[in-house]
N, C-alpha and C. Protein backbone atom coordinates (compact mmCIF):
# COMPACT_ATOMS: atom_id res chain seq x y z
N MET A 1 201.55 -78.37 75.14
CA MET A 1 202.54 -79.14 74.21
C MET A 1 203.75 -78.24 74.21
N GLU A 2 204.75 -79.25 74.23
CA GLU A 2 206.01 -78.55 74.24
C GLU A 2 206.52 -78.35 73.13
N ALA A 3 207.52 -77.42 72.80
CA ALA A 3 208.16 -77.16 71.73
C ALA A 3 208.75 -78.30 70.94
N SER A 4 209.49 -79.16 71.83
CA SER A 4 210.25 -80.29 71.03
C SER A 4 209.00 -81.35 70.37
N GLU A 5 207.99 -81.39 70.94
CA GLU A 5 206.83 -82.31 70.50
C GLU A 5 206.20 -81.58 69.10
N ARG A 6 206.31 -80.41 68.81
CA ARG A 6 205.58 -79.81 67.72
C ARG A 6 206.58 -80.19 66.45
N ASP A 7 205.68 -80.33 65.33
CA ASP A 7 206.38 -80.29 63.82
C ASP A 7 207.05 -79.07 63.59
N SER A 8 208.01 -79.27 63.00
CA SER A 8 208.79 -78.19 62.28
C SER A 8 208.63 -78.21 60.63
N THR A 9 208.64 -77.02 60.23
CA THR A 9 208.54 -76.87 58.76
C THR A 9 209.58 -77.78 57.86
N GLN A 10 210.53 -78.09 58.58
CA GLN A 10 211.49 -79.28 57.79
C GLN A 10 210.84 -80.55 57.66
N ASP A 11 210.04 -80.71 58.64
CA ASP A 11 209.27 -82.30 58.71
C ASP A 11 208.37 -82.42 57.25
N TRP A 12 207.99 -81.03 56.81
CA TRP A 12 206.96 -81.27 55.86
C TRP A 12 207.52 -81.00 54.38
N LEU A 13 208.75 -80.54 54.32
CA LEU A 13 209.42 -80.45 53.10
C LEU A 13 209.60 -81.85 52.52
N LEU A 14 209.49 -81.84 51.23
CA LEU A 14 209.65 -83.11 50.21
C LEU A 14 211.10 -83.14 49.85
N PRO A 15 211.55 -84.36 49.65
CA PRO A 15 212.84 -84.74 49.41
C PRO A 15 213.00 -83.83 47.69
N GLU A 16 214.16 -83.54 47.35
CA GLU A 16 214.35 -82.81 46.27
C GLU A 16 213.90 -83.52 44.96
N GLY A 17 214.16 -85.12 44.86
CA GLY A 17 213.56 -85.68 43.77
C GLY A 17 212.22 -86.02 43.76
N ALA A 18 211.14 -85.89 45.01
CA ALA A 18 209.92 -86.24 44.81
C ALA A 18 209.06 -84.79 44.74
N ALA A 19 209.63 -83.84 44.58
CA ALA A 19 208.67 -82.60 44.63
C ALA A 19 208.17 -82.68 43.02
N PRO A 20 206.91 -82.16 43.13
CA PRO A 20 206.14 -82.07 41.87
C PRO A 20 206.65 -80.82 41.02
N PRO A 21 206.42 -80.96 39.69
CA PRO A 21 206.87 -79.88 38.88
C PRO A 21 206.34 -78.39 39.37
N LEU A 22 207.06 -77.60 38.88
CA LEU A 22 206.29 -76.22 39.16
C LEU A 22 205.43 -75.88 37.79
N LEU A 23 204.27 -74.87 38.28
CA LEU A 23 203.47 -74.65 37.04
C LEU A 23 204.34 -74.21 35.77
N SER A 24 205.37 -73.32 36.14
CA SER A 24 206.18 -72.91 34.95
C SER A 24 206.74 -74.01 33.99
N GLU A 25 207.23 -75.11 34.95
CA GLU A 25 207.76 -76.22 34.09
C GLU A 25 206.60 -76.91 33.40
N LEU A 26 205.20 -76.86 34.11
CA LEU A 26 204.35 -77.80 33.40
C LEU A 26 203.82 -76.78 32.21
N GLU A 27 204.08 -75.72 31.94
CA GLU A 27 203.56 -74.78 31.23
C GLU A 27 204.72 -75.08 30.04
N GLU A 28 205.81 -75.16 30.22
CA GLU A 28 207.02 -75.33 29.04
C GLU A 28 206.63 -76.52 28.64
N ARG A 29 206.58 -77.59 29.28
CA ARG A 29 206.25 -79.02 28.58
C ARG A 29 205.13 -78.95 27.81
N ILE A 30 204.01 -78.34 28.16
CA ILE A 30 202.77 -78.05 27.11
C ILE A 30 203.06 -77.68 26.09
N ASP A 31 203.81 -76.26 26.34
CA ASP A 31 204.36 -75.79 24.84
C ASP A 31 205.23 -76.46 24.03
N GLU A 32 206.02 -77.38 24.74
CA GLU A 32 206.92 -78.12 23.83
C GLU A 32 205.88 -79.26 23.09
N ALA A 33 205.01 -79.98 23.81
CA ALA A 33 204.07 -80.78 23.45
C ALA A 33 203.23 -80.30 22.11
N LEU A 34 203.00 -78.99 22.47
CA LEU A 34 202.15 -78.51 21.19
C LEU A 34 203.01 -78.24 20.01
N ILE A 35 204.07 -77.82 20.35
CA ILE A 35 205.07 -77.76 18.90
C ILE A 35 205.33 -79.04 18.42
N VAL A 36 205.66 -80.00 19.16
CA VAL A 36 205.64 -81.31 18.49
C VAL A 36 204.27 -81.71 17.76
N ALA A 37 203.23 -81.70 18.46
CA ALA A 37 202.21 -82.14 17.75
C ALA A 37 201.69 -81.18 16.53
N ARG A 38 202.29 -80.09 16.32
CA ARG A 38 201.96 -79.17 15.31
C ARG A 38 202.90 -79.86 14.17
N ALA A 39 204.14 -79.92 14.52
CA ALA A 39 205.18 -80.65 13.55
C ALA A 39 204.60 -81.86 12.79
N SER A 40 204.22 -82.51 13.82
CA SER A 40 203.90 -83.95 13.44
C SER A 40 202.47 -84.03 12.77
N GLU A 41 201.68 -83.12 12.83
CA GLU A 41 200.54 -82.81 12.06
C GLU A 41 200.95 -82.53 10.70
N LYS A 42 201.74 -81.53 10.56
CA LYS A 42 202.39 -81.09 9.38
C LYS A 42 203.06 -82.32 8.56
N ALA A 43 203.61 -83.03 9.17
CA ALA A 43 204.64 -84.19 8.41
C ALA A 43 203.37 -85.09 8.02
N ALA A 44 202.41 -85.27 8.76
CA ALA A 44 201.41 -86.47 8.31
C ALA A 44 200.71 -85.90 7.15
N MET A 45 200.40 -84.71 7.23
CA MET A 45 199.73 -83.90 5.98
C MET A 45 200.39 -84.06 4.86
N ALA A 46 201.88 -83.87 5.01
CA ALA A 46 202.73 -83.82 3.86
C ALA A 46 202.93 -85.15 3.40
N ILE A 47 202.85 -86.25 4.13
CA ILE A 47 202.92 -87.72 3.71
C ILE A 47 201.66 -87.88 3.19
N GLY A 48 200.48 -87.65 3.56
CA GLY A 48 199.14 -87.97 2.90
C GLY A 48 199.30 -87.09 1.66
N ASP A 49 199.78 -86.01 1.39
CA ASP A 49 199.67 -85.31 0.02
C ASP A 49 200.41 -86.01 -0.88
N ALA A 50 201.69 -86.54 -0.33
CA ALA A 50 202.51 -87.27 -1.35
C ALA A 50 201.90 -88.57 -1.75
N ALA A 51 201.40 -89.43 -0.66
CA ALA A 51 200.62 -90.53 -1.12
C ALA A 51 199.38 -90.32 -2.01
N LEU A 52 198.97 -89.40 -1.92
CA LEU A 52 197.68 -88.90 -3.05
C LEU A 52 198.31 -88.68 -4.37
N ASP A 53 199.31 -87.75 -4.27
CA ASP A 53 200.11 -87.58 -5.47
C ASP A 53 200.62 -88.80 -6.31
N ALA A 54 201.19 -89.78 -5.27
CA ALA A 54 201.65 -90.97 -5.99
C ALA A 54 200.61 -91.87 -6.39
N ALA A 55 199.44 -91.92 -5.74
CA ALA A 55 198.35 -92.70 -6.35
C ALA A 55 197.66 -92.05 -7.55
N GLU A 56 197.65 -90.78 -7.77
CA GLU A 56 197.46 -90.12 -9.06
C GLU A 56 198.31 -90.69 -10.16
N GLN A 57 199.72 -90.51 -9.92
CA GLN A 57 200.52 -90.82 -10.71
C GLN A 57 200.44 -92.32 -11.31
N ALA A 58 200.17 -93.24 -10.35
CA ALA A 58 200.01 -94.49 -10.65
C ALA A 58 198.95 -94.67 -11.43
N ARG A 59 197.70 -93.95 -10.99
CA ARG A 59 196.51 -94.16 -12.00
C ARG A 59 196.80 -93.72 -13.43
N ARG A 60 197.47 -92.58 -13.37
CA ARG A 60 197.91 -92.00 -14.89
C ARG A 60 198.45 -93.08 -15.49
N ALA A 61 199.76 -93.38 -14.94
CA ALA A 61 200.62 -94.64 -15.58
C ALA A 61 199.69 -95.79 -15.95
N ALA A 62 198.77 -96.17 -15.22
CA ALA A 62 197.99 -97.33 -15.53
C ALA A 62 197.19 -96.92 -16.73
N ASP A 63 196.64 -95.68 -16.74
CA ASP A 63 195.71 -95.39 -18.09
C ASP A 63 196.51 -95.36 -19.28
N ILE A 64 197.98 -94.80 -19.07
CA ILE A 64 198.84 -94.99 -20.19
C ILE A 64 199.25 -96.23 -20.77
N ALA A 65 199.45 -97.09 -19.72
CA ALA A 65 199.70 -98.49 -19.98
C ALA A 65 198.68 -99.29 -20.81
N GLU A 66 197.55 -98.93 -20.04
CA GLU A 66 196.26 -99.62 -20.61
C GLU A 66 196.01 -99.29 -22.32
N ARG A 67 196.00 -97.92 -22.53
CA ARG A 67 195.95 -97.21 -23.80
C ARG A 67 197.04 -97.75 -24.78
N ALA A 68 198.30 -98.14 -24.25
CA ALA A 68 199.52 -98.59 -24.95
C ALA A 68 199.10 -100.02 -25.46
N SER A 69 198.51 -100.94 -24.15
CA SER A 69 198.42 -102.26 -24.56
C SER A 69 197.33 -102.12 -25.78
N VAL A 70 196.23 -101.44 -25.79
CA VAL A 70 195.17 -101.51 -26.50
C VAL A 70 195.69 -101.16 -27.99
N ALA A 71 196.70 -100.15 -28.09
CA ALA A 71 197.21 -99.78 -29.41
C ALA A 71 198.08 -100.83 -29.82
N ALA A 72 198.87 -101.56 -28.89
CA ALA A 72 199.73 -102.76 -29.30
C ALA A 72 198.90 -103.60 -30.00
N LEU A 73 197.80 -103.97 -29.27
CA LEU A 73 197.12 -105.15 -29.86
C LEU A 73 196.39 -104.63 -30.98
N GLY A 74 196.17 -103.43 -31.17
CA GLY A 74 195.38 -102.93 -32.51
C GLY A 74 196.39 -103.13 -33.36
N LEU A 75 197.75 -102.71 -33.12
CA LEU A 75 198.60 -102.57 -34.41
C LEU A 75 199.28 -104.06 -34.68
N GLN A 76 199.35 -104.91 -33.73
CA GLN A 76 200.00 -106.20 -34.09
C GLN A 76 199.66 -106.77 -35.27
N PRO A 77 198.39 -106.80 -35.76
CA PRO A 77 198.12 -107.52 -36.98
C PRO A 77 198.69 -106.79 -38.06
N THR A 78 198.64 -105.68 -38.14
CA THR A 78 199.09 -104.57 -39.26
C THR A 78 200.71 -104.83 -39.23
N ILE A 79 201.27 -104.67 -38.18
CA ILE A 79 202.67 -105.05 -38.34
C ILE A 79 203.15 -106.44 -38.77
N ALA A 80 202.29 -107.42 -38.44
CA ALA A 80 202.78 -108.72 -38.88
C ALA A 80 202.40 -108.74 -40.18
N ALA A 81 201.39 -108.15 -40.87
CA ALA A 81 201.21 -108.18 -42.20
C ALA A 81 202.02 -107.52 -43.11
N GLU A 82 202.56 -106.60 -42.56
CA GLU A 82 203.53 -105.54 -43.39
C GLU A 82 204.92 -106.21 -43.37
N ALA A 83 205.45 -106.79 -42.32
CA ALA A 83 206.72 -107.42 -42.08
C ALA A 83 207.19 -108.54 -42.71
N PRO A 84 208.14 -108.61 -43.46
CA PRO A 84 208.53 -109.73 -44.36
C PRO A 84 208.60 -110.95 -43.44
N VAL A 85 208.03 -112.06 -43.97
CA VAL A 85 207.93 -113.44 -43.06
C VAL A 85 209.38 -114.27 -43.57
N ASP A 86 210.04 -114.60 -42.68
CA ASP A 86 211.30 -115.44 -42.66
C ASP A 86 210.54 -116.76 -43.05
N PRO A 87 211.18 -117.52 -44.08
CA PRO A 87 210.54 -119.12 -44.34
C PRO A 87 210.79 -119.80 -43.09
N ALA A 88 211.78 -119.90 -42.51
CA ALA A 88 211.89 -120.66 -41.52
C ALA A 88 211.13 -120.53 -40.32
N LEU A 89 210.83 -119.31 -39.96
CA LEU A 89 209.96 -118.78 -38.75
C LEU A 89 208.34 -119.27 -39.49
N ARG A 90 208.09 -119.07 -40.81
CA ARG A 90 206.91 -119.75 -41.29
C ARG A 90 206.57 -121.16 -41.18
N SER A 91 207.75 -121.72 -41.27
CA SER A 91 207.74 -123.32 -41.19
C SER A 91 207.67 -123.54 -39.86
N PHE A 92 208.27 -122.99 -39.01
CA PHE A 92 208.05 -123.25 -37.61
C PHE A 92 206.44 -123.19 -37.01
N SER A 93 205.98 -121.87 -37.43
CA SER A 93 204.66 -121.75 -36.97
C SER A 93 203.64 -122.70 -37.41
N GLU A 94 203.86 -123.07 -38.77
CA GLU A 94 203.06 -124.24 -39.65
C GLU A 94 202.95 -125.42 -38.51
N ARG A 95 204.28 -125.75 -38.24
CA ARG A 95 204.46 -127.13 -37.30
C ARG A 95 204.00 -126.72 -36.25
N ALA A 96 204.12 -125.81 -35.52
CA ALA A 96 203.45 -125.52 -34.35
C ALA A 96 201.81 -125.54 -34.26
N ASP A 97 201.44 -125.17 -35.44
CA ASP A 97 199.90 -125.21 -35.64
C ASP A 97 199.47 -126.68 -35.66
N ARG A 98 200.14 -127.43 -36.54
CA ARG A 98 199.83 -128.88 -36.51
C ARG A 98 200.07 -129.47 -35.34
N VAL A 99 201.07 -129.24 -34.28
CA VAL A 99 201.14 -129.78 -32.84
C VAL A 99 199.79 -129.39 -32.25
N VAL A 100 199.52 -128.25 -32.07
CA VAL A 100 198.18 -127.66 -31.56
C VAL A 100 197.10 -128.47 -31.71
N ALA A 101 197.04 -128.55 -33.23
CA ALA A 101 195.67 -129.19 -33.71
C ALA A 101 195.75 -130.73 -33.26
N ARG A 102 196.71 -131.28 -33.30
CA ARG A 102 196.87 -132.70 -32.93
C ARG A 102 196.55 -132.81 -31.27
N LEU A 103 196.99 -131.95 -30.60
CA LEU A 103 196.89 -132.09 -29.15
C LEU A 103 195.22 -131.79 -28.87
N ARG A 104 194.76 -130.77 -29.46
CA ARG A 104 193.38 -130.81 -29.33
C ARG A 104 192.50 -132.12 -29.61
N ALA A 105 193.07 -132.66 -30.71
CA ALA A 105 192.14 -133.82 -31.10
C ALA A 105 192.39 -134.90 -30.26
N VAL A 106 193.51 -134.76 -29.38
CA VAL A 106 193.70 -135.92 -28.38
C VAL A 106 192.85 -135.80 -27.04
N ALA A 107 192.99 -134.33 -26.74
CA ALA A 107 192.24 -134.17 -25.68
C ALA A 107 190.77 -134.11 -25.66
């Protein structure tokens, strides 16, 4: 075999853009991916904690609203009994009661 027919090392070299990454480059990428993954995990945990806190606050607010509603319903007759009644309002309420009674009789 003649020297001109043999392969040279230049024939086996890959073009610059087609070369695979070096091991050190792969390690750098892995390290960067781990940093991003850990930061994402911390952010997800913080979001989860904030969501749990918000749910707890919403539950407490609902409990307070429920107690306020019960208290308001419990106090409403007392307030109405103590408050002076405007004669025009009393007349209006009596007329409204009569209208409701007639509607129920028709239905």
